[in-house]
């Protein structure tokens, strides 16, 4: 049984944990650097990216997490989690940090305020039928590097991407009862363990 951490400093981490437990995964809430030890993967949830970046720094998790991801820790980031993974973040506060491990440019709150939240069905590479994507103050992926695969688009804009050990989305897959996006992440973990 894989052990998957869920960054539990702020945001929608409970919903991610629930989805992973449905898939028979051992879930560990990550709040301190030692919580990262022995993980097969980690989920960086949605939330408020500025607050999350400050909590990553104050908890001491930021540097250790960034190094683990750079070293190949399988990572899934959704909404704010995507922002925290991106190499380039537009409209970020000056004191906001990013792990800078995913070669994309994102714009915070690119889809607008909370009142502009919406749901839509999208085609996702690897899923046989459309996935209902929930967008809440979601970031827009404005540029994608050459080593990043686009897995889903909405109105011509990438909304889900993958790069080596990272799976990321602008939307919140944890806010539906459909766990197939999490299954894609678990498939990455199982494939990586098979290679080892």
N, C-alpha and C. Protein backbone atom coordinates (compact mmCIF):
# COMPACT_ATOMS: atom_id res chain seq x y z
N UNK A 1 0.85 -1.20 0.00
CA UNK A 1 0.00 0.00 0.00
C UNK A 1 0.89 1.25 0.00
N UNK A 2 0.73 2.12 -1.00
CA UNK A 2 1.56 3.32 -1.03
C UNK A 2 1.19 4.28 0.10
N UNK A 3 2.18 5.05 0.54
CA UNK A 3 1.96 6.09 1.54
C UNK A 3 2.02 7.43 0.82
N UNK A 4 0.91 8.15 0.84
CA UNK A 4 0.84 9.44 0.15
C UNK A 4 0.59 10.53 1.18
N UNK A 5 1.45 11.52 1.16
CA UNK A 5 1.26 12.66 2.04
C UNK A 5 0.32 13.68 1.42
N UNK A 6 -0.39 14.37 2.27
CA UNK A 6 -1.22 15.50 1.83
C UNK A 6 -0.77 16.70 2.63
N UNK A 7 -0.29 17.72 1.93
CA UNK A 7 0.15 18.94 2.61
C UNK A 7 -1.04 19.52 3.37
N UNK A 8 -0.93 19.58 4.70
CA UNK A 8 -2.09 19.89 5.54
C UNK A 8 -1.88 21.18 6.32
N UNK A 9 -1.32 22.18 5.66
CA UNK A 9 -1.10 23.47 6.32
C UNK A 9 -2.30 24.39 6.19
N UNK A 10 -3.03 24.26 5.08
CA UNK A 10 -4.18 25.13 4.81
C UNK A 10 -4.84 24.59 3.55
N UNK A 11 -6.11 24.87 3.37
CA UNK A 11 -6.77 24.50 2.12
C UNK A 11 -7.56 23.21 2.19
N UNK A 12 -7.80 22.62 1.02
CA UNK A 12 -8.74 21.51 0.87
C UNK A 12 -8.08 20.15 1.07
N UNK A 13 -7.24 20.04 2.09
CA UNK A 13 -6.50 18.78 2.25
C UNK A 13 -7.38 17.63 2.72
N UNK A 14 -8.44 17.91 3.49
CA UNK A 14 -9.33 16.83 3.96
C UNK A 14 -9.99 16.12 2.78
N UNK A 15 -10.41 16.87 1.78
CA UNK A 15 -11.08 16.27 0.62
C UNK A 15 -10.12 15.39 -0.18
N UNK A 16 -8.87 15.81 -0.31
CA UNK A 16 -7.88 14.97 -0.99
C UNK A 16 -7.64 13.68 -0.20
N UNK A 17 -7.52 13.81 1.11
CA UNK A 17 -7.30 12.63 1.95
C UNK A 17 -8.45 11.65 1.81
N UNK A 18 -9.66 12.16 1.77
CA UNK A 18 -10.84 11.30 1.62
C UNK A 18 -10.80 10.55 0.29
N UNK A 19 -10.46 11.25 -0.80
CA UNK A 19 -10.39 10.61 -2.12
C UNK A 19 -9.32 9.53 -2.14
N UNK A 20 -8.16 9.80 -1.55
CA UNK A 20 -7.08 8.82 -1.54
C UNK A 20 -7.44 7.60 -0.70
N UNK A 21 -8.10 7.82 0.42
CA UNK A 21 -8.51 6.69 1.26
C UNK A 21 -9.52 5.80 0.55
N UNK A 22 -10.36 6.39 -0.30
CA UNK A 22 -11.29 5.58 -1.10
C UNK A 22 -10.53 4.63 -2.02
N UNK A 23 -9.30 5.00 -2.37
CA UNK A 23 -8.48 4.20 -3.28
C UNK A 23 -7.49 3.32 -2.50
N UNK A 24 -7.78 3.11 -1.21
CA UNK A 24 -6.98 2.21 -0.37
C UNK A 24 -5.52 2.63 -0.27
N UNK A 25 -5.33 3.93 -0.07
CA UNK A 25 -3.99 4.48 0.11
C UNK A 25 -3.82 4.89 1.57
N UNK A 26 -2.63 4.65 2.11
CA UNK A 26 -2.33 5.16 3.44
C UNK A 26 -2.01 6.65 3.30
N UNK A 27 -2.74 7.48 4.03
CA UNK A 27 -2.59 8.93 3.91
C UNK A 27 -1.92 9.48 5.16
N UNK A 28 -0.93 10.37 4.93
CA UNK A 28 -0.27 11.03 6.05
C UNK A 28 -0.40 12.55 5.85
N UNK A 29 -0.91 13.25 6.86
CA UNK A 29 -0.96 14.70 6.79
C UNK A 29 0.43 15.26 7.05
N UNK A 30 0.86 16.16 6.16
CA UNK A 30 2.21 16.72 6.24
C UNK A 30 2.14 18.14 6.78
N UNK A 31 2.74 18.33 7.94
CA UNK A 31 2.78 19.66 8.56
C UNK A 31 4.20 20.08 8.95
N UNK A 32 5.09 19.10 9.11
CA UNK A 32 6.46 19.35 9.52
C UNK A 32 7.42 18.60 8.60
N UNK A 33 8.68 18.99 8.52
CA UNK A 33 9.61 18.35 7.60
C UNK A 33 9.70 16.83 7.75
N UNK A 34 9.68 16.31 9.00
CA UNK A 34 9.82 14.86 9.17
C UNK A 34 8.61 14.09 8.64
N UNK A 35 7.48 14.77 8.44
CA UNK A 35 6.29 14.10 7.88
C UNK A 35 6.53 13.66 6.43
N UNK A 36 7.57 14.22 5.78
CA UNK A 36 7.87 13.87 4.39
C UNK A 36 8.66 12.56 4.28
N UNK A 37 9.19 12.07 5.39
CA UNK A 37 10.04 10.88 5.35
C UNK A 37 9.24 9.64 4.93
N UNK A 38 9.77 8.90 3.98
CA UNK A 38 9.18 7.62 3.58
C UNK A 38 7.95 7.70 2.71
N UNK A 39 7.63 8.87 2.19
CA UNK A 39 6.44 9.01 1.34
C UNK A 39 6.71 8.46 -0.06
N UNK A 40 5.66 7.89 -0.67
CA UNK A 40 5.71 7.49 -2.07
C UNK A 40 5.24 8.62 -2.98
N UNK A 41 4.51 9.57 -2.42
CA UNK A 41 4.02 10.71 -3.19
C UNK A 41 3.44 11.74 -2.24
N UNK A 42 3.18 12.93 -2.78
CA UNK A 42 2.57 13.98 -1.97
C UNK A 42 1.57 14.75 -2.82
N UNK A 43 0.49 15.20 -2.18
CA UNK A 43 -0.52 16.04 -2.82
C UNK A 43 -0.44 17.43 -2.20
N UNK A 44 -0.36 18.43 -3.09
CA UNK A 44 -0.38 19.83 -2.65
C UNK A 44 -1.75 20.37 -3.04
N UNK A 45 -2.62 20.63 -2.07
CA UNK A 45 -4.02 20.93 -2.35
C UNK A 45 -4.27 22.38 -2.76
N UNK A 46 -5.52 22.64 -3.09
CA UNK A 46 -5.97 24.01 -3.31
C UNK A 46 -6.09 24.72 -1.97
N UNK A 47 -6.21 26.03 -2.04
CA UNK A 47 -6.29 26.86 -0.85
C UNK A 47 -5.92 28.28 -1.25
N UNK A 48 -5.30 29.00 -0.36
CA UNK A 48 -4.84 30.36 -0.65
C UNK A 48 -3.33 30.30 -0.79
N UNK A 49 -2.84 30.49 -2.01
CA UNK A 49 -1.43 30.21 -2.30
C UNK A 49 -0.46 31.07 -1.50
N UNK A 50 -0.82 32.33 -1.25
CA UNK A 50 0.07 33.20 -0.48
C UNK A 50 0.19 32.70 0.95
N UNK A 51 -0.94 32.40 1.56
CA UNK A 51 -0.94 31.87 2.93
C UNK A 51 -0.19 30.55 3.00
N UNK A 52 -0.44 29.68 2.02
CA UNK A 52 0.23 28.38 2.02
C UNK A 52 1.74 28.54 1.89
N UNK A 53 2.19 29.48 1.06
CA UNK A 53 3.64 29.66 0.91
C UNK A 53 4.25 30.17 2.21
N UNK A 54 3.55 31.06 2.92
CA UNK A 54 4.06 31.56 4.20
C UNK A 54 4.13 30.45 5.23
N UNK A 55 3.12 29.58 5.24
CA UNK A 55 3.10 28.46 6.20
C UNK A 55 4.17 27.42 5.85
N UNK A 56 4.43 27.23 4.56
CA UNK A 56 5.51 26.32 4.16
C UNK A 56 6.85 26.81 4.72
N UNK A 57 7.06 28.13 4.68
CA UNK A 57 8.30 28.69 5.20
C UNK A 57 8.36 28.61 6.72
N UNK A 58 7.30 29.02 7.39
CA UNK A 58 7.33 29.06 8.86
C UNK A 58 7.38 27.67 9.48
N UNK A 59 6.86 26.66 8.79
CA UNK A 59 6.88 25.30 9.30
C UNK A 59 8.21 24.59 9.05
N UNK A 60 9.04 25.19 8.18
CA UNK A 60 10.29 24.55 7.82
C UNK A 60 10.15 23.50 6.72
N UNK A 61 8.95 23.36 6.16
CA UNK A 61 8.70 22.32 5.16
C UNK A 61 9.20 22.73 3.78
N UNK A 62 9.24 24.02 3.48
CA UNK A 62 9.47 24.48 2.11
C UNK A 62 10.75 23.94 1.49
N UNK A 63 11.88 24.15 2.13
CA UNK A 63 13.15 23.73 1.54
C UNK A 63 13.24 22.21 1.38
N UNK A 64 12.79 21.49 2.39
CA UNK A 64 12.85 20.01 2.34
C UNK A 64 11.93 19.49 1.24
N UNK A 65 10.71 20.03 1.17
CA UNK A 65 9.75 19.60 0.15
C UNK A 65 10.27 19.90 -1.25
N UNK A 66 10.78 21.11 -1.44
CA UNK A 66 11.30 21.50 -2.76
C UNK A 66 12.41 20.55 -3.20
N UNK A 67 13.31 20.21 -2.29
CA UNK A 67 14.40 19.30 -2.63
C UNK A 67 13.88 17.90 -2.94
N UNK A 68 12.91 17.42 -2.16
CA UNK A 68 12.36 16.08 -2.39
C UNK A 68 11.69 16.00 -3.77
N UNK A 69 10.95 17.04 -4.13
CA UNK A 69 10.30 17.04 -5.45
C UNK A 69 11.35 17.08 -6.55
N UNK A 70 12.36 17.94 -6.37
CA UNK A 70 13.44 18.03 -7.35
C UNK A 70 14.17 16.69 -7.49
N UNK A 71 14.21 15.92 -6.40
CA UNK A 71 14.86 14.61 -6.42
C UNK A 71 13.96 13.50 -6.95
N UNK A 72 12.69 13.84 -7.27
CA UNK A 72 11.81 12.86 -7.91
C UNK A 72 10.59 12.42 -7.13
N UNK A 73 10.31 13.01 -5.97
CA UNK A 73 9.10 12.64 -5.23
C UNK A 73 7.88 12.88 -6.10
N UNK A 74 7.04 11.86 -6.27
CA UNK A 74 5.83 12.00 -7.08
C UNK A 74 4.91 13.01 -6.41
N UNK A 75 4.44 13.98 -7.19
CA UNK A 75 3.72 15.12 -6.62
C UNK A 75 2.51 15.46 -7.47
N UNK A 76 1.38 15.69 -6.80
CA UNK A 76 0.18 16.19 -7.47
C UNK A 76 -0.18 17.53 -6.84
N UNK A 77 -0.37 18.55 -7.68
CA UNK A 77 -0.77 19.86 -7.19
C UNK A 77 -2.05 20.30 -7.85
N UNK A 78 -2.99 20.80 -7.06
CA UNK A 78 -4.26 21.27 -7.61
C UNK A 78 -4.51 22.71 -7.18
N UNK A 79 -4.90 23.55 -8.14
CA UNK A 79 -5.22 24.96 -7.91
C UNK A 79 -4.05 25.67 -7.23
N UNK A 80 -4.14 26.01 -5.95
CA UNK A 80 -3.01 26.65 -5.27
C UNK A 80 -1.78 25.77 -5.29
N UNK A 81 -1.97 24.45 -5.26
CA UNK A 81 -0.85 23.52 -5.34
C UNK A 81 -0.09 23.68 -6.65
N UNK A 82 -0.82 23.89 -7.74
CA UNK A 82 -0.20 24.17 -9.04
C UNK A 82 0.64 25.44 -8.96
N UNK A 83 0.10 26.48 -8.34
CA UNK A 83 0.83 27.74 -8.20
C UNK A 83 2.13 27.52 -7.43
N UNK A 84 2.07 26.72 -6.37
CA UNK A 84 3.24 26.47 -5.54
C UNK A 84 4.30 25.63 -6.25
N UNK A 85 3.92 24.94 -7.31
CA UNK A 85 4.87 24.13 -8.07
C UNK A 85 5.47 24.89 -9.25
N UNK A 86 4.78 25.91 -9.73
CA UNK A 86 5.15 26.58 -10.98
C UNK A 86 6.48 27.33 -10.88
N UNK A 87 7.21 27.32 -12.00
CA UNK A 87 8.47 28.09 -12.07
C UNK A 87 8.21 29.59 -12.13
N UNK A 88 7.09 29.97 -12.77
CA UNK A 88 6.80 31.40 -12.94
C UNK A 88 5.36 31.67 -12.52
N UNK A 89 5.18 32.63 -11.61
CA UNK A 89 3.85 32.97 -11.09
C UNK A 89 3.60 34.45 -11.33
N UNK A 90 2.57 34.75 -12.10
CA UNK A 90 2.18 36.13 -12.36
C UNK A 90 1.16 36.59 -11.33
N UNK A 91 1.20 37.85 -10.99
CA UNK A 91 0.30 38.45 -10.00
C UNK A 91 0.50 37.91 -8.60
N UNK A 92 1.71 37.42 -8.32
CA UNK A 92 2.02 36.93 -6.97
C UNK A 92 2.44 38.09 -6.09
N UNK A 93 2.20 37.95 -4.79
CA UNK A 93 2.70 38.95 -3.84
C UNK A 93 4.22 38.83 -3.76
N UNK A 94 4.92 39.92 -3.45
CA UNK A 94 6.39 39.89 -3.39
C UNK A 94 6.93 38.86 -2.40
N UNK A 95 6.19 38.59 -1.32
CA UNK A 95 6.68 37.66 -0.30
C UNK A 95 6.24 36.22 -0.55
N UNK A 96 5.62 35.96 -1.68
CA UNK A 96 5.14 34.62 -1.99
C UNK A 96 6.26 33.78 -2.60
N UNK A 97 6.37 32.52 -2.16
CA UNK A 97 7.40 31.63 -2.68
C UNK A 97 6.75 30.51 -3.49
N UNK A 98 7.56 29.92 -4.37
CA UNK A 98 7.14 28.77 -5.16
C UNK A 98 8.29 27.79 -5.19
N UNK A 99 7.98 26.50 -5.26
CA UNK A 99 9.01 25.48 -5.35
C UNK A 99 9.77 25.54 -6.68
N UNK A 100 9.14 26.13 -7.70
CA UNK A 100 9.76 26.32 -9.02
C UNK A 100 10.29 25.02 -9.61
N UNK A 101 9.44 23.98 -9.60
CA UNK A 101 9.84 22.67 -10.10
C UNK A 101 9.06 22.23 -11.34
N UNK A 102 8.07 23.03 -11.75
CA UNK A 102 7.25 22.69 -12.91
C UNK A 102 7.37 23.82 -13.93
N UNK A 103 7.78 23.49 -15.15
CA UNK A 103 8.08 24.50 -16.16
C UNK A 103 6.80 25.04 -16.81
N UNK A 104 6.07 25.82 -16.02
CA UNK A 104 4.87 26.49 -16.51
C UNK A 104 4.85 27.91 -15.96
N UNK A 105 4.11 28.77 -16.66
CA UNK A 105 3.80 30.11 -16.16
C UNK A 105 2.32 30.12 -15.81
N UNK A 106 1.99 30.49 -14.58
CA UNK A 106 0.59 30.54 -14.16
C UNK A 106 0.25 31.94 -13.69
N UNK A 107 -1.01 32.29 -13.82
CA UNK A 107 -1.51 33.57 -13.31
C UNK A 107 -2.50 33.27 -12.19
N UNK A 108 -2.18 33.77 -10.99
CA UNK A 108 -3.06 33.56 -9.84
C UNK A 108 -4.46 34.11 -10.13
N UNK A 109 -5.48 33.38 -9.68
CA UNK A 109 -6.88 33.81 -9.81
C UNK A 109 -7.22 34.20 -11.25
N UNK A 110 -6.59 33.53 -12.20
CA UNK A 110 -6.78 33.87 -13.60
C UNK A 110 -8.21 33.72 -14.09
N UNK A 111 -8.96 32.83 -13.44
CA UNK A 111 -10.36 32.63 -13.84
C UNK A 111 -11.32 33.54 -13.07
N UNK A 112 -10.77 34.45 -12.27
CA UNK A 112 -11.63 35.41 -11.59
C UNK A 112 -11.84 35.11 -10.12
N UNK A 113 -12.74 35.87 -9.52
CA UNK A 113 -13.02 35.78 -8.09
C UNK A 113 -13.90 34.57 -7.78
N UNK A 114 -14.19 34.41 -6.50
CA UNK A 114 -15.03 33.30 -6.04
C UNK A 114 -16.37 33.27 -6.77
N UNK A 115 -16.92 34.43 -7.05
CA UNK A 115 -18.22 34.52 -7.71
C UNK A 115 -18.17 33.98 -9.14
N UNK A 116 -16.97 33.90 -9.71
CA UNK A 116 -16.80 33.39 -11.06
C UNK A 116 -16.55 31.89 -11.11
N UNK A 117 -16.66 31.21 -9.98
CA UNK A 117 -16.44 29.76 -9.93
C UNK A 117 -17.42 29.04 -10.85
N UNK A 118 -16.94 27.91 -11.40
CA UNK A 118 -17.81 27.14 -12.30
C UNK A 118 -17.35 25.70 -12.38
N UNK A 119 -18.23 24.85 -12.92
CA UNK A 119 -17.91 23.46 -13.19
C UNK A 119 -18.11 23.21 -14.67
N UNK A 120 -17.26 22.35 -15.24
CA UNK A 120 -17.41 21.99 -16.64
C UNK A 120 -16.80 20.63 -16.88
N UNK A 121 -17.33 19.90 -17.85
CA UNK A 121 -16.77 18.60 -18.20
C UNK A 121 -15.62 18.79 -19.18
N UNK A 122 -14.50 18.13 -18.90
CA UNK A 122 -13.34 18.22 -19.77
C UNK A 122 -12.83 16.83 -20.10
N UNK A 123 -12.20 16.71 -21.25
CA UNK A 123 -11.53 15.47 -21.63
C UNK A 123 -10.12 15.50 -21.04
N UNK A 124 -9.75 14.42 -20.35
CA UNK A 124 -8.43 14.31 -19.73
C UNK A 124 -7.72 13.10 -20.32
N UNK A 125 -6.52 13.30 -20.81
CA UNK A 125 -5.73 12.19 -21.33
C UNK A 125 -5.58 11.11 -20.26
N UNK A 126 -5.90 9.88 -20.62
CA UNK A 126 -5.82 8.78 -19.67
C UNK A 126 -7.16 8.40 -19.06
N UNK A 127 -8.18 9.25 -19.24
CA UNK A 127 -9.53 8.94 -18.74
C UNK A 127 -10.45 8.71 -19.92
N UNK A 128 -11.25 7.65 -19.86
CA UNK A 128 -12.07 7.26 -21.01
C UNK A 128 -13.25 8.19 -21.24
N UNK A 129 -13.79 8.76 -20.17
CA UNK A 129 -14.95 9.65 -20.29
C UNK A 129 -14.63 10.99 -19.64
N UNK A 130 -15.39 12.05 -19.99
CA UNK A 130 -15.09 13.39 -19.45
C UNK A 130 -15.09 13.42 -17.92
N UNK A 131 -14.31 14.34 -17.40
CA UNK A 131 -14.17 14.56 -15.96
C UNK A 131 -14.78 15.91 -15.62
N UNK A 132 -15.60 15.96 -14.57
CA UNK A 132 -16.19 17.22 -14.15
C UNK A 132 -15.17 18.01 -13.33
N UNK A 133 -14.71 19.13 -13.90
CA UNK A 133 -13.69 19.95 -13.26
C UNK A 133 -14.34 21.12 -12.55
N UNK A 134 -13.94 21.34 -11.30
CA UNK A 134 -14.46 22.43 -10.47
C UNK A 134 -13.39 23.51 -10.39
N UNK A 135 -13.72 24.72 -10.88
CA UNK A 135 -12.80 25.84 -10.90
C UNK A 135 -13.23 26.87 -9.86
N UNK A 136 -12.38 27.13 -8.85
CA UNK A 136 -12.68 28.11 -7.81
C UNK A 136 -11.47 29.02 -7.66
N UNK A 137 -11.59 30.27 -8.09
CA UNK A 137 -10.46 31.22 -8.06
C UNK A 137 -9.21 30.56 -8.63
N UNK A 138 -9.39 29.87 -9.72
CA UNK A 138 -8.35 29.00 -10.27
C UNK A 138 -7.28 29.78 -11.02
N UNK A 139 -6.05 29.25 -11.00
CA UNK A 139 -5.00 29.85 -11.81
C UNK A 139 -5.14 29.47 -13.28
N UNK A 140 -4.69 30.34 -14.15
CA UNK A 140 -4.63 30.04 -15.58
C UNK A 140 -3.19 29.68 -15.93
N UNK A 141 -3.02 28.60 -16.66
CA UNK A 141 -1.70 28.22 -17.16
C UNK A 141 -1.49 28.98 -18.46
N UNK A 142 -0.59 29.95 -18.45
CA UNK A 142 -0.38 30.81 -19.61
C UNK A 142 0.71 30.29 -20.55
N UNK A 143 1.70 29.60 -20.01
CA UNK A 143 2.78 29.04 -20.83
C UNK A 143 3.17 27.68 -20.28
N UNK A 144 3.54 26.78 -21.21
CA UNK A 144 3.94 25.43 -20.84
C UNK A 144 5.29 25.15 -21.48
N UNK A 145 6.25 24.68 -20.68
CA UNK A 145 7.57 24.37 -21.19
C UNK A 145 7.57 23.14 -22.07
N UNK A 146 8.67 22.94 -22.80
CA UNK A 146 8.74 21.86 -23.79
C UNK A 146 8.68 20.48 -23.16
N UNK A 147 9.07 20.34 -21.89
CA UNK A 147 9.04 19.04 -21.25
C UNK A 147 7.76 18.75 -20.50
N UNK A 148 6.75 19.60 -20.68
CA UNK A 148 5.48 19.46 -19.95
C UNK A 148 4.40 18.98 -20.92
N UNK A 149 3.71 17.91 -20.55
CA UNK A 149 2.63 17.36 -21.37
C UNK A 149 1.30 17.97 -20.95
N UNK A 150 0.53 18.44 -21.90
CA UNK A 150 -0.81 18.97 -21.62
C UNK A 150 -1.79 17.80 -21.63
N UNK A 151 -2.48 17.60 -20.51
CA UNK A 151 -3.42 16.49 -20.36
C UNK A 151 -4.87 16.90 -20.59
N UNK A 152 -5.18 18.18 -20.41
CA UNK A 152 -6.56 18.65 -20.57
C UNK A 152 -6.54 20.14 -20.87
N UNK A 153 -7.53 20.57 -21.66
CA UNK A 153 -7.68 22.00 -21.96
C UNK A 153 -9.14 22.39 -21.76
N UNK A 154 -9.33 23.68 -21.49
CA UNK A 154 -10.68 24.26 -21.42
C UNK A 154 -10.63 25.56 -22.19
N UNK A 155 -11.48 25.69 -23.19
CA UNK A 155 -11.49 26.88 -24.06
C UNK A 155 -10.09 27.18 -24.62
N UNK A 156 -9.39 26.13 -24.99
CA UNK A 156 -8.08 26.28 -25.61
C UNK A 156 -6.93 26.54 -24.65
N UNK A 157 -7.20 26.56 -23.35
CA UNK A 157 -6.17 26.85 -22.35
C UNK A 157 -5.87 25.57 -21.55
N UNK A 158 -4.59 25.23 -21.35
CA UNK A 158 -4.26 24.04 -20.55
C UNK A 158 -4.80 24.16 -19.13
N UNK A 159 -5.41 23.08 -18.63
CA UNK A 159 -5.90 23.06 -17.25
C UNK A 159 -5.38 21.87 -16.47
N UNK A 160 -4.71 20.94 -17.13
CA UNK A 160 -4.05 19.83 -16.45
C UNK A 160 -2.79 19.49 -17.23
N UNK A 161 -1.70 19.29 -16.50
CA UNK A 161 -0.40 19.03 -17.12
C UNK A 161 0.35 17.98 -16.33
N UNK A 162 1.35 17.38 -16.99
CA UNK A 162 2.23 16.43 -16.32
C UNK A 162 3.65 16.66 -16.79
N UNK A 163 4.61 16.43 -15.89
CA UNK A 163 6.01 16.59 -16.22
C UNK A 163 6.83 15.68 -15.32
N UNK A 164 7.38 14.61 -15.88
CA UNK A 164 8.20 13.66 -15.13
C UNK A 164 7.46 13.17 -13.89
N UNK A 165 7.77 13.72 -12.72
CA UNK A 165 7.18 13.24 -11.48
C UNK A 165 6.04 14.12 -10.96
N UNK A 166 5.53 15.02 -11.81
CA UNK A 166 4.51 15.98 -11.34
C UNK A 166 3.25 15.89 -12.18
N UNK A 167 2.10 15.86 -11.51
CA UNK A 167 0.78 15.97 -12.12
C UNK A 167 0.12 17.19 -11.50
N UNK A 168 -0.40 18.10 -12.33
CA UNK A 168 -0.96 19.33 -11.77
C UNK A 168 -2.19 19.77 -12.55
N UNK A 169 -3.10 20.45 -11.84
CA UNK A 169 -4.34 20.90 -12.45
C UNK A 169 -4.75 22.25 -11.89
N UNK A 170 -5.41 23.05 -12.74
CA UNK A 170 -5.97 24.32 -12.30
C UNK A 170 -7.21 24.12 -11.44
N UNK A 171 -7.86 22.99 -11.62
CA UNK A 171 -9.16 22.74 -10.98
C UNK A 171 -9.01 21.89 -9.72
N UNK A 172 -10.15 21.59 -9.10
CA UNK A 172 -10.20 20.84 -7.84
C UNK A 172 -10.82 19.46 -8.06
N UNK A 173 -10.03 18.44 -8.39
CA UNK A 173 -10.61 17.11 -8.58
C UNK A 173 -11.14 16.50 -7.29
N UNK A 174 -10.67 17.00 -6.15
CA UNK A 174 -11.07 16.44 -4.86
C UNK A 174 -12.48 16.87 -4.46
N UNK A 175 -13.06 17.85 -5.17
CA UNK A 175 -14.38 18.36 -4.79
C UNK A 175 -15.52 17.67 -5.54
N UNK A 176 -15.22 16.56 -6.19
CA UNK A 176 -16.26 15.73 -6.80
C UNK A 176 -16.15 14.33 -6.21
N UNK A 177 -17.12 13.48 -6.51
CA UNK A 177 -17.06 12.09 -6.04
C UNK A 177 -16.27 11.21 -7.00
N UNK A 178 -15.77 11.79 -8.08
CA UNK A 178 -15.01 11.08 -9.11
C UNK A 178 -13.53 11.07 -8.71
N UNK A 179 -12.99 9.88 -8.43
CA UNK A 179 -11.60 9.79 -7.95
C UNK A 179 -10.63 9.42 -9.07
N UNK A 180 -11.06 9.53 -10.33
CA UNK A 180 -10.19 9.08 -11.42
C UNK A 180 -8.95 9.93 -11.61
N UNK A 181 -9.00 11.22 -11.29
CA UNK A 181 -7.81 12.04 -11.40
C UNK A 181 -6.78 11.61 -10.37
N UNK A 182 -7.24 11.27 -9.17
CA UNK A 182 -6.35 10.73 -8.16
C UNK A 182 -5.80 9.37 -8.60
N UNK A 183 -6.59 8.61 -9.30
CA UNK A 183 -6.11 7.32 -9.81
C UNK A 183 -4.97 7.52 -10.81
N UNK A 184 -5.04 8.59 -11.61
CA UNK A 184 -3.94 8.89 -12.52
C UNK A 184 -2.65 9.11 -11.73
N UNK A 185 -2.75 9.81 -10.62
CA UNK A 185 -1.58 10.06 -9.78
C UNK A 185 -1.05 8.76 -9.18
N UNK A 186 -1.95 7.91 -8.70
CA UNK A 186 -1.53 6.63 -8.13
C UNK A 186 -0.89 5.74 -9.18
N UNK A 187 -1.35 5.84 -10.42
CA UNK A 187 -0.73 5.09 -11.51
C UNK A 187 0.71 5.56 -11.72
N UNK A 188 0.95 6.88 -11.61
CA UNK A 188 2.32 7.40 -11.69
C UNK A 188 3.18 6.80 -10.58
N UNK A 189 2.63 6.72 -9.38
CA UNK A 189 3.38 6.16 -8.25
C UNK A 189 3.69 4.69 -8.46
N UNK A 190 2.68 3.92 -8.90
CA UNK A 190 2.91 2.48 -9.11
C UNK A 190 3.88 2.23 -10.25
N UNK A 191 3.82 3.05 -11.30
CA UNK A 191 4.75 2.91 -12.41
C UNK A 191 6.18 3.21 -11.97
N UNK A 192 6.32 4.23 -11.12
CA UNK A 192 7.65 4.58 -10.63
C UNK A 192 8.23 3.48 -9.75
N UNK A 193 7.38 2.87 -8.90
CA UNK A 193 7.87 1.81 -8.02
C UNK A 193 8.22 0.56 -8.82
N UNK A 194 7.53 0.33 -9.94
CA UNK A 194 7.85 -0.82 -10.79
C UNK A 194 9.21 -0.63 -11.44
N UNK A 195 9.50 0.60 -11.85
CA UNK A 195 10.80 0.89 -12.48
C UNK A 195 11.93 0.68 -11.49
N UNK A 196 11.70 1.07 -10.23
CA UNK A 196 12.72 0.88 -9.19
C UNK A 196 12.92 -0.59 -8.95
